[in-house]
Amino acid sequence: MDDVKSGEVIEEPATARPRLTVREEIVGYMQRNPTLPWGLWILVGLLLFSLFARLYVEDVEHYRPLSAGAFLSPSGEYPLGTDSHGRDLLAVNGLGVLNTLMLGLLAGLIGVGVATVLAFMAAYYGGWLDAVVRLVVDVGLTIPSLLIMVLIAIAVQGIDLWMMALVISSTSWLWPTRTIRSQVLTLKERAYVEVARLSGMRGIEIILKELVPNLLPFIIASLVTTTASAILASIGLEALGLGPPDDPTLGMTIHRVITYGGVIMGSWWWWLAPTILITLVFIALYLINLGTDELANPTLRRTA
């Protein structure tokens, strides 16, 4: 018996979309944001260059002065030549890439870590804590960060990579604190947070179990941006001669080129390699930053 009226359309029940695995979600995200894998591939290439340098150079201590003759042009023995003090530039740049990336990542982790704690505590609890954090951030952002870092670096004696990371992180937490705080202020008014509060959860539990998981993509995107800014700041400080003198970094190589007249002496190999490597570092971080923009901007989030 047909009970359907003529012309009536029967709608089939909507089927639940199958849950994607972690691998499928990652692949889908990469396909939607092709700049991310390109940036990661460049970053992997830089790390492979660093590994190649360590394997090719017989003694990694060749990044120190008097390891070879001075101003030697590229050859089979010294593929990137040597500088004015007899440093093997393959060893210098190989370790320099690794140290520069590690320095930026360490400063970024410290900065974003401090920013995350301050932002969550200030935005969720409010009151005098929020007022103090907001005041410090607003005042700190009006002062040129490079000036602050220069003054701190001058005051520090015997600076090394770890101390350099602390110097850079002294200002790298300011902007992430403001942006993460604004996101927390929005999320804490959501219904699920109110339900958690009414169910008897304490403030710290709500922060760790409800707010942090929802803002984790935004925090990761902030880490990428902060790391790129930290690397730029480190190269600027090192070019001024305020970096670690005993640890090879790309910025300190540029500083020695400027100080000892590498360009005037016609030692093109001395400045060309670190310039190319610095450019590749920033291209990689820029592409990764573009690729993580979907994480930082909820309006851009799409499903595969």
C-alpha atoms as a PDB file:
ATOM      1  CA  MET A   1       0.000   0.000   0.000  1.00  0.00           C
ATOM      2  CA  ASP A   2       1.387   3.371  -1.012  1.00  0.00           C
ATOM      3  CA  ASP A   3       0.776   6.067   1.651  1.00  0.00           C
ATOM      4  CA  VAL A   4       3.021   8.671   0.000  1.00  0.00           C
ATOM      5  CA  LYS A   5       1.244  11.600  -1.566  1.00  0.00           C
ATOM      6  CA  SER A   6       2.039  12.494  -5.133  1.00  0.00           C
ATOM      7  CA  GLY A   7       5.009  14.855  -5.391  1.00  0.00           C
ATOM      8  CA  GLU A   8       6.095  14.378  -1.766  1.00  0.00           C
ATOM      9  CA  VAL A   9       9.823  13.930  -1.312  1.00  0.00           C
ATOM     10  CA  ILE A  10      11.024  11.465   1.273  1.00  0.00           C
ATOM     11  CA  GLU A  11      14.246  12.578   3.001  1.00  0.00           C
ATOM     12  CA  GLU A  12      16.639   9.852   4.039  1.00  0.00           C
ATOM     13  CA  PRO A  13      17.972  10.110   7.573  1.00  0.00           C
ATOM     14  CA  ALA A  14      21.355  11.821   7.789  1.00  0.00           C
ATOM     15  CA  THR A  15      24.187   9.405   8.361  1.00  0.00           C
ATOM     16  CA  ALA A  16      26.829  10.227  10.929  1.00  0.00           C
ATOM     17  CA  ARG A  17      30.139  11.203   9.415  1.00  0.00           C
ATOM     18  CA  PRO A  18      32.808   8.552  10.118  1.00  0.00           C
ATOM     19  CA  ARG A  19      35.355   9.630  12.710  1.00  0.00           C
ATOM     20  CA  LEU A  20      38.755  10.321  11.202  1.00  0.00           C
ATOM     21  CA  THR A  21      41.901   8.800  12.609  1.00  0.00           C
ATOM     22  CA  VAL A  22      44.766  11.014  13.770  1.00  0.00           C
ATOM     23  CA  ARG A  23      46.724  10.149  10.638  1.00  0.00           C
ATOM     24  CA  GLU A  24      43.796  11.041   8.380  1.00  0.00           C
ATOM     25  CA  GLU A  25      43.314  14.355  10.190  1.00  0.00           C
ATOM     26  CA  ILE A  26      47.018  15.208   9.808  1.00  0.00           C
ATOM     27  CA  VAL A  27      47.027  14.274   6.108  1.00  0.00           C
ATOM     28  CA  GLY A  28      43.843  16.275   5.544  1.00  0.00           C
ATOM     29  CA  TYR A  29      45.310  19.295   7.293  1.00  0.00           C
ATOM     30  CA  MET A  30      48.492  19.069   5.211  1.00  0.00           C
ATOM     31  CA  GLN A  31      46.436  18.926   2.016  1.00  0.00           C
ATOM     32  CA  ARG A  32      44.429  22.000   3.014  1.00  0.00           C
ATOM     33  CA  ASN A  33      47.587  23.872   4.032  1.00  0.00           C
ATOM     34  CA  PRO A  34      50.315  22.904   1.531  1.00  0.00           C
ATOM     35  CA  THR A  35      52.725  25.568   2.816  1.00  0.00           C
ATOM     36  CA  LEU A  36      53.143  23.621   6.054  1.00  0.00           C
ATOM     37  CA  PRO A  37      54.792  20.509   4.519  1.00  0.00           C
ATOM     38  CA  TRP A  38      56.961  22.726   2.304  1.00  0.00           C
ATOM     39  CA  GLY A  39      58.210  24.607   5.348  1.00  0.00           C
ATOM     40  CA  LEU A  40      58.822  21.364   7.216  1.00  0.00           C
ATOM     41  CA  TRP A  41      60.759  19.915   4.277  1.00  0.00           C
ATOM     42  CA  ILE A  42      63.036  22.973   4.161  1.00  0.00           C
ATOM     43  CA  LEU A  43      63.562  22.659   7.912  1.00  0.00           C
ATOM     44  CA  VAL A  44      64.430  18.970   7.520  1.00  0.00           C
ATOM     45  CA  GLY A  45      66.860  19.914   4.739  1.00  0.00           C
ATOM     46  CA  LEU A  46      68.623  22.362   7.068  1.00  0.00           C
ATOM     47  CA  LEU A  47      68.926  19.689   9.755  1.00  0.00           C
ATOM     48  CA  LEU A  48      70.321  17.246   7.178  1.00  0.00           C
ATOM     49  CA  PHE A  49      72.888  19.868   6.164  1.00  0.00           C
ATOM     50  CA  SER A  50      73.925  20.149   9.807  1.00  0.00           C
ATOM     51  CA  LEU A  51      74.221  16.357  10.032  1.00  0.00           C
ATOM     52  CA  PHE A  52      76.233  16.250   6.791  1.00  0.00           C
ATOM     53  CA  ALA A  53      78.625  18.869   8.163  1.00  0.00           C
ATOM     54  CA  ARG A  54      79.224  16.845  11.314  1.00  0.00           C
ATOM     55  CA  LEU A  55      79.889  13.690   9.273  1.00  0.00           C
ATOM     56  CA  TYR A  56      82.070  15.374   6.633  1.00  0.00           C
ATOM     57  CA  VAL A  57      84.306  17.336   8.984  1.00  0.00           C
ATOM     58  CA  GLU A  58      86.757  14.987  10.659  1.00  0.00           C
ATOM     59  CA  ASP A  59      86.757  16.946  13.908  1.00  0.00           C
ATOM     60  CA  VAL A  60      83.758  19.095  14.872  1.00  0.00           C
ATOM     61  CA  GLU A  61      86.177  21.227  16.882  1.00  0.00           C
ATOM     62  CA  HIS A  62      87.248  22.732  13.554  1.00  0.00           C
ATOM     63  CA  TYR A  63      84.742  25.507  14.215  1.00  0.00           C
ATOM     64  CA  ARG A  64      87.354  26.931  16.584  1.00  0.00           C
ATOM     65  CA  PRO A  65      90.128  29.366  15.467  1.00  0.00           C
ATOM     66  CA  LEU A  66      93.422  28.090  14.028  1.00  0.00           C
ATOM     67  CA  SER A  67      91.876  24.811  12.891  1.00  0.00           C
ATOM     68  CA  ALA A  68      93.091  25.506   9.338  1.00  0.00           C
ATOM     69  CA  GLY A  69      94.724  28.212   7.268  1.00  0.00           C
ATOM     70  CA  ALA A  70      93.105  31.627   7.026  1.00  0.00           C
ATOM     71  CA  PHE A  71      91.081  32.860   4.030  1.00  0.00           C
ATOM     72  CA  LEU A  72      91.145  29.535   2.193  1.00  0.00           C
ATOM     73  CA  SER A  73      88.659  29.444  -0.671  1.00  0.00           C
ATOM     74  CA  PRO A  74      86.271  26.478  -1.045  1.00  0.00           C
ATOM     75  CA  SER A  75      87.993  23.224  -1.967  1.00  0.00           C
ATOM     76  CA  GLY A  76      87.583  19.499  -1.540  1.00  0.00           C
ATOM     77  CA  GLU A  77      89.143  19.644   1.909  1.00  0.00           C
ATOM     78  CA  TYR A  78      87.189  22.738   2.959  1.00  0.00           C
ATOM     79  CA  PRO A  79      83.947  22.822   0.917  1.00  0.00           C
ATOM     80  CA  LEU A  80      82.895  26.203   2.358  1.00  0.00           C
ATOM     81  CA  GLY A  81      86.389  27.595   2.839  1.00  0.00           C
ATOM     82  CA  THR A  82      87.804  29.141   6.006  1.00  0.00           C
ATOM     83  CA  ASP A  83      87.582  32.560   7.657  1.00  0.00           C
ATOM     84  CA  SER A  84      90.192  35.068   8.819  1.00  0.00           C
ATOM     85  CA  HIS A  85      90.945  33.064  11.971  1.00  0.00           C
ATOM     86  CA  GLY A  86      91.260  29.671  10.306  1.00  0.00           C
ATOM     87  CA  ARG A  87      87.836  28.299  11.202  1.00  0.00           C
ATOM     88  CA  ASP A  88      86.453  25.584   8.921  1.00  0.00           C
ATOM     89  CA  LEU A  89      83.259  27.276   7.706  1.00  0.00           C
ATOM     90  CA  LEU A  90      81.513  23.966   6.986  1.00  0.00           C
ATOM     91  CA  ALA A  91      81.815  23.099  10.669  1.00  0.00           C
ATOM     92  CA  VAL A  92      80.893  26.663  11.677  1.00  0.00           C
ATOM     93  CA  ASN A  93      77.758  26.813   9.526  1.00  0.00           C
ATOM     94  CA  GLY A  94      76.746  23.211  10.213  1.00  0.00           C
ATOM     95  CA  LEU A  95      76.747  23.760  13.958  1.00  0.00           C
ATOM     96  CA  GLY A  96      75.510  27.311  13.437  1.00  0.00           C
ATOM     97  CA  VAL A  97      72.244  26.166  11.841  1.00  0.00           C
ATOM     98  CA  LEU A  98      71.571  23.712  14.647  1.00  0.00           C
ATOM     99  CA  ASN A  99      72.447  26.201  17.404  1.00  0.00           C
ATOM    100  CA  THR A 100      70.392  28.985  15.825  1.00  0.00           C
ATOM    101  CA  LEU A 101      67.303  26.785  15.520  1.00  0.00           C
ATOM    102  CA  MET A 102      67.772  25.419  19.031  1.00  0.00           C
ATOM    103  CA  LEU A 103      68.242  28.929  20.420  1.00  0.00           C
ATOM    104  CA  GLY A 104      65.059  30.190  18.760  1.00  0.00           C
ATOM    105  CA  LEU A 105      63.018  27.166  19.823  1.00  0.00           C
ATOM    106  CA  LEU A 106      64.248  27.382  23.416  1.00  0.00           C
ATOM    107  CA  ALA A 107      63.471  31.101  23.632  1.00  0.00           C
ATOM    108  CA  GLY A 108      60.079  30.467  22.021  1.00  0.00           C
ATOM    109  CA  LEU A 109      59.214  27.698  24.481  1.00  0.00           C
ATOM    110  CA  ILE A 110      60.173  29.849  27.453  1.00  0.00           C
ATOM    111  CA  GLY A 111      58.282  32.860  26.128  1.00  0.00           C
ATOM    112  CA  VAL A 112      55.102  30.993  25.201  1.00  0.00           C
ATOM    113  CA  GLY A 113      55.261  28.950  28.417  1.00  0.00           C
ATOM    114  CA  VAL A 114      55.379  32.068  30.573  1.00  0.00           C
ATOM    115  CA  ALA A 115      52.735  33.748  28.413  1.00  0.00           C
ATOM    116  CA  THR A 116      50.378  30.761  28.673  1.00  0.00           C
ATOM    117  CA  VAL A 117      50.556  30.591  32.463  1.00  0.00           C
ATOM    118  CA  LEU A 118      50.092  34.339  32.917  1.00  0.00           C
ATOM    119  CA  ALA A 119      47.331  34.617  30.315  1.00  0.00           C
ATOM    120  CA  PHE A 120      45.227  31.755  31.683  1.00  0.00           C
ATOM    121  CA  MET A 121      45.575  32.791  35.306  1.00  0.00           C
ATOM    122  CA  ALA A 122      44.924  36.484  34.627  1.00  0.00           C
ATOM    123  CA  ALA A 123      42.006  36.013  32.231  1.00  0.00           C
ATOM    124  CA  TYR A 124      40.210  33.319  34.210  1.00  0.00           C
ATOM    125  CA  TYR A 125      40.565  34.729  37.725  1.00  0.00           C
ATOM    126  CA  GLY A 126      40.549  38.420  36.768  1.00  0.00           C
ATOM    127  CA  GLY A 127      40.781  41.000  39.544  1.00  0.00           C
ATOM    128  CA  TRP A 128      44.086  42.516  40.591  1.00  0.00           C
ATOM    129  CA  LEU A 129      46.090  39.746  38.911  1.00  0.00           C
ATOM    130  CA  ASP A 130      44.557  40.510  35.523  1.00  0.00           C
ATOM    131  CA  ALA A 131      45.070  44.255  36.070  1.00  0.00           C
ATOM    132  CA  VAL A 132      48.768  43.801  36.894  1.00  0.00           C
ATOM    133  CA  VAL A 133      49.437  41.436  33.963  1.00  0.00           C
ATOM    134  CA  ARG A 134      47.596  43.710  31.552  1.00  0.00           C
ATOM    135  CA  LEU A 135      49.512  46.765  32.792  1.00  0.00           C
ATOM    136  CA  VAL A 136      52.918  45.085  32.507  1.00  0.00           C
ATOM    137  CA  VAL A 137      52.134  43.771  29.013  1.00  0.00           C
ATOM    138  CA  ASP A 138      50.800  47.099  27.754  1.00  0.00           C
ATOM    139  CA  VAL A 139      53.823  48.995  29.092  1.00  0.00           C
ATOM    140  CA  GLY A 140      56.281  46.354  27.868  1.00  0.00           C
ATOM    141  CA  LEU A 141      54.908  46.424  24.327  1.00  0.00           C
ATOM    142  CA  THR A 142      55.492  50.174  24.083  1.00  0.00           C
ATOM    143  CA  ILE A 143      59.234  49.766  24.740  1.00  0.00           C
ATOM    144  CA  PRO A 144      61.378  48.580  21.785  1.00  0.00           C
ATOM    145  CA  SER A 145      62.160  44.961  22.578  1.00  0.00           C
ATOM    146  CA  LEU A 146      65.564  45.121  20.881  1.00  0.00           C
ATOM    147  CA  LEU A 147      66.592  47.929  23.246  1.00  0.00           C
ATOM    148  CA  ILE A 148      65.623  45.844  26.272  1.00  0.00           C
ATOM    149  CA  MET A 149      67.515  42.808  24.989  1.00  0.00           C
ATOM    150  CA  VAL A 150      70.609  44.868  24.163  1.00  0.00           C
ATOM    151  CA  LEU A 151      70.725  46.324  27.674  1.00  0.00           C
ATOM    152  CA  ILE A 152      70.292  42.883  29.270  1.00  0.00           C
ATOM    153  CA  ALA A 153      72.870  41.264  26.975  1.00  0.00           C
ATOM    154  CA  ILE A 154      75.417  43.993  27.797  1.00  0.00           C
ATOM    155  CA  ALA A 155      74.849  43.463  31.518  1.00  0.00           C
ATOM    156  CA  VAL A 156      75.278  39.675  31.304  1.00  0.00           C
ATOM    157  CA  GLN A 157      78.815  38.352  31.667  1.00  0.00           C
ATOM    158  CA  GLY A 158      79.949  35.186  29.897  1.00  0.00           C
ATOM    159  CA  ILE A 159      76.838  34.753  27.750  1.00  0.00           C
ATOM    160  CA  ASP A 160      76.206  31.321  26.242  1.00  0.00           C
ATOM    161  CA  LEU A 161      73.349  29.739  24.276  1.00  0.00           C
ATOM    162  CA  TRP A 162      71.183  29.122  27.337  1.00  0.00           C
ATOM    163  CA  MET A 163      71.705  32.631  28.677  1.00  0.00           C
ATOM    164  CA  MET A 164      71.069  34.030  25.205  1.00  0.00           C
ATOM    165  CA  ALA A 165      67.723  32.220  25.119  1.00  0.00           C
ATOM    166  CA  LEU A 166      66.802  33.759  28.490  1.00  0.00           C
ATOM    167  CA  VAL A 167      67.772  37.221  27.246  1.00  0.00           C
ATOM    168  CA  ILE A 168      65.530  36.878  24.185  1.00  0.00           C
ATOM    169  CA  SER A 169      62.658  35.369  26.161  1.00  0.00           C
ATOM    170  CA  SER A 170      62.708  38.414  28.466  1.00  0.00           C
ATOM    171  CA  THR A 171      60.473  40.139  25.903  1.00  0.00           C
ATOM    172  CA  SER A 172      59.144  37.275  23.782  1.00  0.00           C
ATOM    173  CA  TRP A 173      56.330  36.511  26.263  1.00  0.00           C
ATOM    174  CA  LEU A 174      54.643  39.914  26.004  1.00  0.00           C
ATOM    175  CA  TRP A 175      52.701  39.600  22.745  1.00  0.00           C
ATOM    176  CA  PRO A 176      51.648  35.936  23.245  1.00  0.00           C
ATOM    177  CA  THR A 177      50.327  36.884  26.685  1.00  0.00           C
ATOM    178  CA  ARG A 178      48.017  39.490  25.153  1.00  0.00           C
ATOM    179  CA  THR A 179      46.727  37.251  22.354  1.00  0.00           C
ATOM    180  CA  ILE A 180      46.237  34.135  24.503  1.00  0.00           C
ATOM    181  CA  ARG A 181      44.536  36.197  27.221  1.00  0.00           C
ATOM    182  CA  SER A 182      42.016  37.541  24.724  1.00  0.00           C
ATOM    183  CA  GLN A 183      41.164  33.992  23.637  1.00  0.00           C
ATOM    184  CA  VAL A 184      40.736  32.826  27.240  1.00  0.00           C
ATOM    185  CA  LEU A 185      38.392  35.749  27.974  1.00  0.00           C
ATOM    186  CA  THR A 186      36.198  34.560  25.111  1.00  0.00           C
ATOM    187  CA  LEU A 187      36.249  30.867  26.021  1.00  0.00           C
ATOM    188  CA  LYS A 188      35.552  31.266  29.725  1.00  0.00           C
ATOM    189  CA  GLU A 189      32.082  32.623  28.905  1.00  0.00           C
ATOM    190  CA  ARG A 190      31.130  29.505  26.930  1.00  0.00           C
ATOM    191  CA  ALA A 191      28.360  27.229  28.167  1.00  0.00           C
ATOM    192  CA  TYR A 192      30.583  24.195  28.731  1.00  0.00           C
ATOM    193  CA  VAL A 193      32.808  26.207  31.078  1.00  0.00           C
ATOM    194  CA  GLU A 194      29.770  27.320  33.065  1.00  0.00           C
ATOM    195  CA  VAL A 195      28.554  23.718  33.252  1.00  0.00           C
ATOM    196  CA  ALA A 196      31.974  22.619  34.530  1.00  0.00           C
ATOM    197  CA  ARG A 197      31.899  25.382  37.128  1.00  0.00           C
ATOM    198  CA  LEU A 198      28.415  24.400  38.313  1.00  0.00           C
ATOM    199  CA  SER A 199      29.463  20.752  38.523  1.00  0.00           C
ATOM    200  CA  GLY A 200      31.963  21.678  41.238  1.00  0.00           C
ATOM    201  CA  MET A 201      35.210  21.753  39.270  1.00  0.00           C
ATOM    202  CA  ARG A 202      37.846  24.080  40.674  1.00  0.00           C
ATOM    203  CA  GLY A 203      39.336  26.896  38.631  1.00  0.00           C
ATOM    204  CA  ILE A 204      42.629  25.147  37.958  1.00  0.00           C
ATOM    205  CA  GLU A 205      40.764  22.003  36.847  1.00  0.00           C
ATOM    206  CA  ILE A 206      38.642  24.004  34.422  1.00  0.00           C
ATOM    207  CA  ILE A 207      41.764  25.641  33.013  1.00  0.00           C
ATOM    208  CA  LEU A 208      43.631  22.354  32.530  1.00  0.00           C
ATOM    209  CA  LYS A 209      40.727  20.154  31.406  1.00  0.00           C
ATOM    210  CA  GLU A 210      38.463  22.544  29.509  1.00  0.00           C
ATOM    211  CA  LEU A 211      40.324  25.660  28.387  1.00  0.00           C
ATOM    212  CA  VAL A 212      43.855  24.452  27.597  1.00  0.00           C
ATOM    213  CA  PRO A 213      42.763  21.602  25.258  1.00  0.00           C
ATOM    214  CA  ASN A 214      40.556  23.992  23.296  1.00  0.00           C
ATOM    215  CA  LEU A 215      43.314  26.591  22.957  1.00  0.00           C
ATOM    216  CA  LEU A 216      46.159  24.148  22.293  1.00  0.00           C
ATOM    217  CA  PRO A 217      46.118  24.721  18.489  1.00  0.00           C
ATOM    218  CA  PHE A 218      46.277  28.481  19.054  1.00  0.00           C
ATOM    219  CA  ILE A 219      49.183  28.045  21.497  1.00  0.00           C
ATOM    220  CA  ILE A 220      51.081  25.905  18.959  1.00  0.00           C
ATOM    221  CA  ALA A 221      50.598  28.562  16.287  1.00  0.00           C
ATOM    222  CA  SER A 222      51.817  31.202  18.752  1.00  0.00           C
ATOM    223  CA  LEU A 223      54.920  29.085  19.421  1.00  0.00           C
ATOM    224  CA  VAL A 224      55.801  29.059  15.711  1.00  0.00           C
ATOM    225  CA  THR A 225      55.464  32.837  15.472  1.00  0.00           C
ATOM    226  CA  THR A 226      57.407  33.433  18.690  1.00  0.00           C
ATOM    227  CA  THR A 227      60.206  31.083  17.603  1.00  0.00           C
ATOM    228  CA  ALA A 228      60.599  32.940  14.295  1.00  0.00           C
ATOM    229  CA  SER A 229      60.723  36.267  16.147  1.00  0.00           C
ATOM    230  CA  ALA A 230      63.269  34.853  18.617  1.00  0.00           C
ATOM    231  CA  ILE A 231      65.560  33.702  15.801  1.00  0.00           C
ATOM    232  CA  LEU A 232      65.339  37.134  14.184  1.00  0.00           C
ATOM    233  CA  ALA A 233      66.158  38.787  17.523  1.00  0.00           C
ATOM    234  CA  SER A 234      69.087  36.446  18.154  1.00  0.00           C
ATOM    235  CA  ILE A 235      70.615  37.160  14.746  1.00  0.00           C
ATOM    236  CA  GLY A 236      70.215  40.900  15.358  1.00  0.00           C
ATOM    237  CA  LEU A 237      71.910  40.739  18.756  1.00  0.00           C
ATOM    238  CA  GLU A 238      74.684  38.490  17.471  1.00  0.00           C
ATOM    239  CA  ALA A 239      75.340  40.751  14.480  1.00  0.00           C
ATOM    240  CA  LEU A 240      75.960  43.507  17.042  1.00  0.00           C
ATOM    241  CA  GLY A 241      78.488  41.283  18.819  1.00  0.00           C
ATOM    242  CA  LEU A 242      76.257  40.486  21.799  1.00  0.00           C
ATOM    243  CA  GLY A 243      75.914  36.759  21.157  1.00  0.00           C
ATOM    244  CA  PRO A 244      77.758  33.767  22.609  1.00  0.00           C
ATOM    245  CA  PRO A 245      81.401  34.122  21.501  1.00  0.00           C
ATOM    246  CA  ASP A 246      82.323  30.468  22.004  1.00  0.00           C
ATOM    247  CA  ASP A 247      79.275  28.859  20.326  1.00  0.00           C
ATOM    248  CA  PRO A 248      78.951  28.929  16.521  1.00  0.00           C
ATOM    249  CA  THR A 249      75.698  30.514  15.329  1.00  0.00           C
ATOM    250  CA  LEU A 250      74.681  32.061  12.036  1.00  0.00           C
ATOM    251  CA  GLY A 251      74.440  35.499  13.618  1.00  0.00           C
ATOM    252  CA  MET A 252      77.930  35.332  15.119  1.00  0.00           C
ATOM    253  CA  THR A 253      79.309  34.327  11.708  1.00  0.00           C
ATOM    254  CA  ILE A 254      77.733  37.452  10.203  1.00  0.00           C
ATOM    255  CA  HIS A 255      79.231  39.496  13.051  1.00  0.00           C
ATOM    256  CA  ARG A 256      82.724  38.203  12.279  1.00  0.00           C
ATOM    257  CA  VAL A 257      82.252  38.930   8.565  1.00  0.00           C
ATOM    258  CA  ILE A 258      81.396  42.541   9.444  1.00  0.00           C
ATOM    259  CA  THR A 259      84.115  42.925  12.089  1.00  0.00           C
ATOM    260  CA  TYR A 260      87.002  41.418  10.143  1.00  0.00           C
ATOM    261  CA  GLY A 261      86.104  42.776   6.695  1.00  0.00           C
ATOM    262  CA  GLY A 262      85.027  39.604   4.975  1.00  0.00           C
ATOM    263  CA  VAL A 263      83.310  41.551   2.206  1.00  0.00           C
ATOM    264  CA  ILE A 264      86.193  43.992   1.715  1.00  0.00           C
ATOM    265  CA  MET A 265      88.702  41.133   1.593  1.00  0.00           C
ATOM    266  CA  GLY A 266      86.713  39.499  -1.199  1.00  0.00           C
ATOM    267  CA  SER A 267      85.958  36.358   0.838  1.00  0.00           C
ATOM    268  CA  TRP A 268      82.549  35.802  -0.744  1.00  0.00           C
ATOM    269  CA  TRP A 269      82.316  32.265   0.622  1.00  0.00           C
ATOM    270  CA  TRP A 270      82.529  33.617   4.166  1.00  0.00           C
ATOM    271  CA  TRP A 271      79.270  35.601   4.024  1.00  0.00           C
ATOM    272  CA  LEU A 272      77.390  33.782   1.239  1.00  0.00           C
ATOM    273  CA  ALA A 273      76.743  30.485   3.078  1.00  0.00           C
ATOM    274  CA  PRO A 274      75.328  31.976   6.330  1.00  0.00           C
ATOM    275  CA  THR A 275      73.231  34.437   4.305  1.00  0.00           C
ATOM    276  CA  ILE A 276      71.657  31.605   2.304  1.00  0.00           C
ATOM    277  CA  LEU A 277      71.105  29.533   5.451  1.00  0.00           C
ATOM    278  CA  ILE A 278      69.481  32.435   7.318  1.00  0.00           C
ATOM    279  CA  THR A 279      67.210  33.049   4.315  1.00  0.00           C
ATOM    280  CA  LEU A 280      66.186  29.384   4.217  1.00  0.00           C
ATOM    281  CA  VAL A 281      65.479  29.398   7.962  1.00  0.00           C
ATOM    282  CA  PHE A 282      63.094  32.323   7.625  1.00  0.00           C
ATOM    283  CA  ILE A 283      61.438  30.928   4.500  1.00  0.00           C
ATOM    284  CA  ALA A 284      60.822  27.650   6.362  1.00  0.00           C
ATOM    285  CA  LEU A 285      59.399  29.389   9.426  1.00  0.00           C
ATOM    286  CA  TYR A 286      57.284  31.717   7.270  1.00  0.00           C
ATOM    287  CA  LEU A 287      55.765  28.771   5.381  1.00  0.00           C
ATOM    288  CA  ILE A 288      55.147  26.898   8.642  1.00  0.00           C
ATOM    289  CA  ASN A 289      53.539  30.006  10.097  1.00  0.00           C
ATOM    290  CA  LEU A 290      51.226  30.249   7.090  1.00  0.00           C
ATOM    291  CA  GLY A 291      50.437  26.559   7.413  1.00  0.00           C
ATOM    292  CA  THR A 292      49.455  26.911  11.074  1.00  0.00           C
ATOM    293  CA  ASP A 293      47.257  29.957  10.430  1.00  0.00           C
ATOM    294  CA  GLU A 294      44.199  27.699  10.373  1.00  0.00           C
ATOM    295  CA  LEU A 295      45.017  26.630  13.939  1.00  0.00           C
ATOM    296  CA  ALA A 296      45.277  30.223  15.131  1.00  0.00           C
ATOM    297  CA  ASN A 297      42.151  31.485  13.353  1.00  0.00           C
ATOM    298  CA  PRO A 298      38.986  29.487  14.123  1.00  0.00           C
ATOM    299  CA  THR A 299      37.147  31.136  11.213  1.00  0.00           C
ATOM    300  CA  LEU A 300      39.593  29.488   8.814  1.00  0.00           C
ATOM    301  CA  ARG A 301      39.166  25.993  10.198  1.00  0.00           C
ATOM    302  CA  ARG A 302      37.639  23.657   7.694  1.00  0.00           C
ATOM    303  CA  THR A 303      36.996  19.964   7.516  1.00  0.00           C
ATOM    304  CA  ALA A 304      38.621  17.765   4.954  1.00  0.00           C
END
